[in-house]
């Protein structure tokens, strides 16, 4: 069980890091509009952006840890831990992207974290 929890936490952290890199890469491109005639060019820009590529690789690697965890524990135990990504993303948004975090958003994220704690102890 301890190994599964470790795998889950690595997966959540890796997924969070991957999302941060994806956000950084997409922010550097500016707002994109998905138009059929422009899809090739847009996909090329995404596929050649090092942040996007790095984010996808790390996100993919975190999936391997997730799958390994699922081979060890029930989905109903493992899946609530994914909610920890909300906590990771809130901190990253505040620290890395200087986003304003409202008290209500902070409270909601704390409630999610408490829920994960309850599932882990049960």
N, C-alpha and C. Protein backbone atom coordinates (compact mmCIF):
# COMPACT_ATOMS: atom_id res chain seq x y z
N UNK A 1 0.81 -1.20 0.00
CA UNK A 1 0.00 0.00 0.00
C UNK A 1 0.86 1.26 0.00
N UNK A 2 1.95 1.27 0.78
CA UNK A 2 2.82 2.44 0.84
C UNK A 2 3.44 2.73 -0.53
N UNK A 3 3.80 1.68 -1.25
CA UNK A 3 4.37 1.87 -2.59
C UNK A 3 3.34 2.49 -3.51
N UNK A 4 2.10 2.04 -3.42
CA UNK A 4 1.04 2.59 -4.27
C UNK A 4 0.83 4.06 -3.98
N UNK A 5 0.81 4.44 -2.71
CA UNK A 5 0.63 5.85 -2.36
C UNK A 5 1.79 6.68 -2.88
N UNK A 6 3.00 6.15 -2.77
CA UNK A 6 4.17 6.85 -3.31
C UNK A 6 4.01 7.05 -4.82
N UNK A 7 3.61 6.00 -5.53
CA UNK A 7 3.39 6.10 -6.98
C UNK A 7 2.31 7.13 -7.30
N UNK A 8 1.26 7.15 -6.51
CA UNK A 8 0.18 8.11 -6.74
C UNK A 8 0.69 9.53 -6.55
N UNK A 9 1.44 9.75 -5.49
CA UNK A 9 1.96 11.10 -5.22
C UNK A 9 2.95 11.54 -6.29
N UNK A 10 3.79 10.62 -6.77
CA UNK A 10 4.71 10.95 -7.87
C UNK A 10 3.90 11.30 -9.11
N UNK A 11 2.86 10.54 -9.36
CA UNK A 11 2.01 10.80 -10.52
C UNK A 11 1.35 12.17 -10.43
N UNK A 12 0.83 12.51 -9.26
CA UNK A 12 0.17 13.80 -9.07
C UNK A 12 1.18 14.94 -9.24
N UNK A 13 2.34 14.80 -8.64
CA UNK A 13 3.37 15.84 -8.74
C UNK A 13 3.86 15.96 -10.18
N UNK A 14 4.12 14.83 -10.83
CA UNK A 14 4.55 14.85 -12.23
C UNK A 14 3.49 15.46 -13.14
N UNK A 15 2.24 15.11 -12.89
CA UNK A 15 1.15 15.69 -13.67
C UNK A 15 1.08 17.20 -13.48
N UNK A 16 1.29 17.63 -12.24
CA UNK A 16 1.29 19.06 -11.96
C UNK A 16 2.43 19.79 -12.65
N UNK A 17 3.61 19.22 -12.58
CA UNK A 17 4.77 19.83 -13.26
C UNK A 17 4.52 19.87 -14.77
N UNK A 18 3.98 18.78 -15.30
CA UNK A 18 3.65 18.74 -16.73
C UNK A 18 2.67 19.84 -17.10
N UNK A 19 1.64 20.04 -16.29
CA UNK A 19 0.65 21.08 -16.56
C UNK A 19 1.27 22.48 -16.49
N UNK A 20 2.18 22.68 -15.55
CA UNK A 20 2.86 23.98 -15.44
C UNK A 20 3.66 24.26 -16.71
N UNK A 21 4.37 23.25 -17.19
CA UNK A 21 5.15 23.44 -18.43
C UNK A 21 4.23 23.66 -19.62
N UNK A 22 3.12 22.93 -19.67
CA UNK A 22 2.16 23.14 -20.76
C UNK A 22 1.62 24.57 -20.73
N UNK A 23 1.28 25.06 -19.54
CA UNK A 23 0.76 26.43 -19.41
C UNK A 23 1.82 27.43 -19.86
N UNK A 24 3.06 27.23 -19.43
CA UNK A 24 4.14 28.15 -19.82
C UNK A 24 4.31 28.17 -21.34
N UNK A 25 4.30 27.01 -21.94
CA UNK A 25 4.46 26.92 -23.39
C UNK A 25 3.31 27.56 -24.14
N UNK A 26 2.09 27.30 -23.70
CA UNK A 26 0.94 27.86 -24.39
C UNK A 26 0.82 29.36 -24.15
N UNK A 27 1.21 29.83 -22.98
CA UNK A 27 1.19 31.27 -22.71
C UNK A 27 2.16 32.01 -23.62
N UNK A 28 3.28 31.36 -23.92
CA UNK A 28 4.27 32.01 -24.79
C UNK A 28 3.78 32.14 -26.22
N UNK A 29 2.76 31.39 -26.59
CA UNK A 29 2.19 31.46 -27.95
C UNK A 29 1.10 32.50 -28.07
N UNK A 30 0.57 32.96 -26.97
CA UNK A 30 -0.55 33.89 -27.01
C UNK A 30 -1.84 33.13 -27.26
N UNK A 31 -2.96 33.84 -27.25
CA UNK A 31 -4.25 33.18 -27.45
C UNK A 31 -4.35 32.54 -28.83
N UNK A 32 -4.81 31.31 -28.86
CA UNK A 32 -4.96 30.60 -30.13
C UNK A 32 -6.44 30.42 -30.44
N UNK A 33 -6.77 30.54 -31.70
CA UNK A 33 -8.12 30.25 -32.17
C UNK A 33 -8.04 29.02 -33.05
N UNK A 34 -8.83 28.02 -32.70
CA UNK A 34 -8.79 26.77 -33.45
C UNK A 34 -9.68 26.89 -34.69
N UNK A 35 -9.03 27.03 -35.82
CA UNK A 35 -9.72 27.08 -37.10
C UNK A 35 -9.22 25.94 -37.96
N UNK A 36 -10.12 25.32 -38.68
CA UNK A 36 -9.77 24.14 -39.47
C UNK A 36 -8.59 24.42 -40.39
N UNK A 37 -8.58 25.53 -41.06
CA UNK A 37 -7.51 25.85 -42.00
C UNK A 37 -6.17 26.13 -41.35
N UNK A 38 -6.18 26.38 -40.05
CA UNK A 38 -4.95 26.72 -39.34
C UNK A 38 -4.45 25.60 -38.42
N UNK A 39 -5.17 24.49 -38.38
CA UNK A 39 -4.82 23.43 -37.43
C UNK A 39 -3.40 22.90 -37.62
N UNK A 40 -2.98 22.72 -38.83
CA UNK A 40 -1.63 22.21 -39.08
C UNK A 40 -0.57 23.14 -38.51
N UNK A 41 -0.73 24.43 -38.76
CA UNK A 41 0.24 25.42 -38.26
C UNK A 41 0.21 25.49 -36.74
N UNK A 42 -0.98 25.43 -36.17
CA UNK A 42 -1.10 25.50 -34.71
C UNK A 42 -0.47 24.26 -34.08
N UNK A 43 -0.77 23.09 -34.61
CA UNK A 43 -0.18 21.87 -34.08
C UNK A 43 1.34 21.87 -34.22
N UNK A 44 1.84 22.42 -35.31
CA UNK A 44 3.29 22.52 -35.50
C UNK A 44 3.91 23.42 -34.42
N UNK A 45 3.28 24.57 -34.18
CA UNK A 45 3.78 25.48 -33.15
C UNK A 45 3.79 24.80 -31.77
N UNK A 46 2.72 24.08 -31.47
CA UNK A 46 2.65 23.38 -30.19
C UNK A 46 3.72 22.30 -30.11
N UNK A 47 3.86 21.54 -31.19
CA UNK A 47 4.78 20.41 -31.21
C UNK A 47 6.24 20.79 -31.24
N UNK A 48 6.54 22.03 -31.56
CA UNK A 48 7.93 22.48 -31.59
C UNK A 48 8.27 23.39 -30.42
N UNK A 49 7.33 23.60 -29.52
CA UNK A 49 7.57 24.42 -28.34
C UNK A 49 8.17 23.52 -27.26
N UNK A 50 9.36 23.86 -26.77
CA UNK A 50 10.06 23.01 -25.81
C UNK A 50 9.31 22.85 -24.50
N UNK A 51 8.63 23.90 -24.07
CA UNK A 51 7.83 23.77 -22.84
C UNK A 51 6.68 22.78 -23.04
N UNK A 52 6.01 22.88 -24.16
CA UNK A 52 4.90 21.96 -24.44
C UNK A 52 5.42 20.53 -24.54
N UNK A 53 6.50 20.34 -25.27
CA UNK A 53 7.07 18.99 -25.39
C UNK A 53 7.50 18.44 -24.04
N UNK A 54 8.19 19.25 -23.26
CA UNK A 54 8.62 18.82 -21.93
C UNK A 54 7.43 18.49 -21.04
N UNK A 55 6.40 19.32 -21.11
CA UNK A 55 5.20 19.07 -20.32
C UNK A 55 4.54 17.76 -20.70
N UNK A 56 4.46 17.49 -21.99
CA UNK A 56 3.85 16.24 -22.44
C UNK A 56 4.67 15.02 -22.01
N UNK A 57 5.99 15.13 -22.07
CA UNK A 57 6.85 14.02 -21.66
C UNK A 57 6.68 13.74 -20.16
N UNK A 58 6.73 14.79 -19.35
CA UNK A 58 6.59 14.60 -17.90
C UNK A 58 5.19 14.11 -17.56
N UNK A 59 4.19 14.66 -18.21
CA UNK A 59 2.81 14.22 -17.99
C UNK A 59 2.66 12.74 -18.36
N UNK A 60 3.29 12.34 -19.47
CA UNK A 60 3.26 10.94 -19.88
C UNK A 60 3.96 10.03 -18.89
N UNK A 61 5.10 10.49 -18.37
CA UNK A 61 5.83 9.68 -17.38
C UNK A 61 5.01 9.54 -16.10
N UNK A 62 4.29 10.59 -15.73
CA UNK A 62 3.47 10.49 -14.52
C UNK A 62 2.35 9.47 -14.71
N UNK A 63 1.90 9.30 -15.95
CA UNK A 63 0.86 8.31 -16.24
C UNK A 63 1.37 6.90 -15.97
N UNK A 64 2.65 6.64 -16.21
CA UNK A 64 3.22 5.32 -15.93
C UNK A 64 3.14 5.03 -14.42
N UNK A 65 3.44 6.03 -13.60
CA UNK A 65 3.34 5.83 -12.15
C UNK A 65 1.88 5.63 -11.74
N UNK A 66 0.97 6.37 -12.37
CA UNK A 66 -0.45 6.21 -12.08
C UNK A 66 -0.92 4.80 -12.40
N UNK A 67 -0.54 4.30 -13.56
CA UNK A 67 -0.95 2.95 -13.95
C UNK A 67 -0.37 1.90 -13.01
N UNK A 68 0.86 2.11 -12.58
CA UNK A 68 1.47 1.19 -11.62
C UNK A 68 0.72 1.21 -10.29
N UNK A 69 0.31 2.38 -9.87
CA UNK A 69 -0.48 2.48 -8.63
C UNK A 69 -1.81 1.76 -8.78
N UNK A 70 -2.46 1.93 -9.93
CA UNK A 70 -3.76 1.29 -10.15
C UNK A 70 -3.65 -0.24 -10.13
N UNK A 71 -2.47 -0.75 -10.45
CA UNK A 71 -2.30 -2.20 -10.41
C UNK A 71 -2.22 -2.72 -8.98
N UNK A 72 -2.10 -1.80 -8.00
CA UNK A 72 -1.89 -2.19 -6.61
C UNK A 72 -3.08 -1.89 -5.69
N UNK A 73 -3.86 -0.85 -6.01
CA UNK A 73 -4.94 -0.44 -5.10
C UNK A 73 -6.23 -0.21 -5.87
N UNK A 74 -7.33 -0.14 -5.12
CA UNK A 74 -8.64 0.13 -5.72
C UNK A 74 -8.68 1.53 -6.31
N UNK A 75 -9.41 1.66 -7.38
CA UNK A 75 -9.59 2.97 -8.02
C UNK A 75 -10.28 3.94 -7.06
N UNK A 76 -11.21 3.43 -6.27
CA UNK A 76 -11.94 4.30 -5.33
C UNK A 76 -11.03 4.85 -4.24
N UNK A 77 -9.91 4.20 -3.99
CA UNK A 77 -8.89 4.73 -3.07
C UNK A 77 -7.96 5.68 -3.78
N UNK A 78 -7.50 5.31 -4.97
CA UNK A 78 -6.48 6.08 -5.68
C UNK A 78 -7.01 7.40 -6.25
N UNK A 79 -8.19 7.36 -6.82
CA UNK A 79 -8.65 8.51 -7.60
C UNK A 79 -8.81 9.80 -6.80
N UNK A 80 -9.29 9.76 -5.57
CA UNK A 80 -9.37 11.02 -4.83
C UNK A 80 -8.03 11.75 -4.68
N UNK A 81 -6.93 11.02 -4.72
CA UNK A 81 -5.61 11.65 -4.62
C UNK A 81 -5.33 12.58 -5.80
N UNK A 82 -5.98 12.33 -6.92
CA UNK A 82 -5.81 13.19 -8.09
C UNK A 82 -6.21 14.62 -7.74
N UNK A 83 -7.13 14.75 -6.79
CA UNK A 83 -7.57 16.08 -6.36
C UNK A 83 -6.43 16.90 -5.75
N UNK A 84 -5.36 16.23 -5.31
CA UNK A 84 -4.21 16.98 -4.80
C UNK A 84 -3.60 17.86 -5.87
N UNK A 85 -3.85 17.54 -7.12
CA UNK A 85 -3.34 18.39 -8.19
C UNK A 85 -3.94 19.79 -8.11
N UNK A 86 -5.15 19.91 -7.52
CA UNK A 86 -5.73 21.24 -7.33
C UNK A 86 -4.87 22.07 -6.39
N UNK A 87 -4.36 21.44 -5.36
CA UNK A 87 -3.50 22.14 -4.41
C UNK A 87 -2.19 22.54 -5.09
N UNK A 88 -1.59 21.60 -5.81
CA UNK A 88 -0.34 21.88 -6.52
C UNK A 88 -0.54 23.02 -7.52
N UNK A 89 -1.64 22.98 -8.26
CA UNK A 89 -1.89 24.02 -9.27
C UNK A 89 -2.19 25.37 -8.65
N UNK A 90 -2.87 25.39 -7.52
CA UNK A 90 -3.15 26.66 -6.85
C UNK A 90 -1.84 27.32 -6.43
N UNK A 91 -0.95 26.55 -5.84
CA UNK A 91 0.34 27.08 -5.40
C UNK A 91 1.16 27.52 -6.61
N UNK A 92 1.18 26.71 -7.67
CA UNK A 92 1.93 27.06 -8.87
C UNK A 92 1.38 28.32 -9.53
N UNK A 93 0.07 28.42 -9.61
CA UNK A 93 -0.55 29.60 -10.24
C UNK A 93 -0.17 30.87 -9.48
N UNK A 94 -0.15 30.75 -8.17
CA UNK A 94 0.18 31.90 -7.33
C UNK A 94 1.67 32.23 -7.40
N UNK A 95 2.54 31.23 -7.27
CA UNK A 95 3.97 31.45 -7.19
C UNK A 95 4.63 31.67 -8.55
N UNK A 96 4.25 30.89 -9.54
CA UNK A 96 4.95 30.93 -10.84
C UNK A 96 4.31 31.93 -11.79
N UNK A 97 2.97 31.94 -11.84
CA UNK A 97 2.28 32.78 -12.81
C UNK A 97 1.69 34.04 -12.19
N UNK A 98 1.97 34.28 -10.91
CA UNK A 98 1.52 35.46 -10.18
C UNK A 98 0.02 35.71 -10.32
N UNK A 99 -0.76 34.64 -10.31
CA UNK A 99 -2.21 34.77 -10.37
C UNK A 99 -2.74 35.17 -9.00
N UNK A 100 -3.79 35.99 -9.00
CA UNK A 100 -4.45 36.34 -7.75
C UNK A 100 -5.33 35.17 -7.31
N UNK A 101 -5.20 34.79 -6.06
CA UNK A 101 -5.97 33.67 -5.52
C UNK A 101 -6.95 34.25 -4.50
N UNK A 102 -8.23 34.10 -4.79
CA UNK A 102 -9.25 34.63 -3.87
C UNK A 102 -9.34 33.74 -2.63
N UNK A 103 -9.89 34.31 -1.57
CA UNK A 103 -10.07 33.56 -0.33
C UNK A 103 -11.01 32.37 -0.56
N UNK A 104 -12.03 32.56 -1.38
CA UNK A 104 -12.97 31.49 -1.66
C UNK A 104 -12.29 30.33 -2.41
N UNK A 105 -11.43 30.66 -3.37
CA UNK A 105 -10.70 29.62 -4.10
C UNK A 105 -9.75 28.88 -3.17
N UNK A 106 -9.09 29.63 -2.29
CA UNK A 106 -8.19 29.01 -1.32
C UNK A 106 -8.96 28.09 -0.38
N UNK A 107 -10.09 28.54 0.11
CA UNK A 107 -10.91 27.72 0.99
C UNK A 107 -11.38 26.45 0.29
N UNK A 108 -11.84 26.58 -0.94
CA UNK A 108 -12.28 25.42 -1.70
C UNK A 108 -11.17 24.40 -1.89
N UNK A 109 -9.97 24.88 -2.16
CA UNK A 109 -8.83 23.98 -2.34
C UNK A 109 -8.47 23.29 -1.02
N UNK A 110 -8.61 24.01 0.08
CA UNK A 110 -8.34 23.40 1.38
C UNK A 110 -9.38 22.31 1.69
N UNK A 111 -10.61 22.52 1.30
CA UNK A 111 -11.64 21.51 1.50
C UNK A 111 -11.31 20.25 0.69
N UNK A 112 -10.86 20.45 -0.54
CA UNK A 112 -10.45 19.31 -1.38
C UNK A 112 -9.32 18.55 -0.70
N UNK A 113 -8.32 19.27 -0.21
CA UNK A 113 -7.20 18.63 0.48
C UNK A 113 -7.65 17.85 1.70
N UNK A 114 -8.59 18.40 2.46
CA UNK A 114 -9.14 17.70 3.62
C UNK A 114 -9.86 16.43 3.19
N UNK A 115 -10.57 16.49 2.08
CA UNK A 115 -11.25 15.31 1.57
C UNK A 115 -10.27 14.20 1.22
N UNK A 116 -9.18 14.54 0.60
CA UNK A 116 -8.15 13.55 0.26
C UNK A 116 -7.58 12.94 1.53
N UNK A 117 -7.35 13.76 2.53
CA UNK A 117 -6.84 13.27 3.81
C UNK A 117 -7.80 12.25 4.43
N UNK A 118 -9.08 12.55 4.37
CA UNK A 118 -10.09 11.63 4.92
C UNK A 118 -10.10 10.29 4.17
N UNK A 119 -9.99 10.35 2.84
CA UNK A 119 -9.96 9.12 2.04
C UNK A 119 -8.71 8.31 2.36
N UNK A 120 -7.57 8.98 2.48
CA UNK A 120 -6.32 8.28 2.76
C UNK A 120 -6.35 7.60 4.12
N UNK A 121 -7.01 8.20 5.08
CA UNK A 121 -7.05 7.61 6.42
C UNK A 121 -8.10 6.52 6.53
N UNK A 122 -9.08 6.54 5.60
CA UNK A 122 -10.16 5.55 5.67
C UNK A 122 -9.79 4.33 4.91
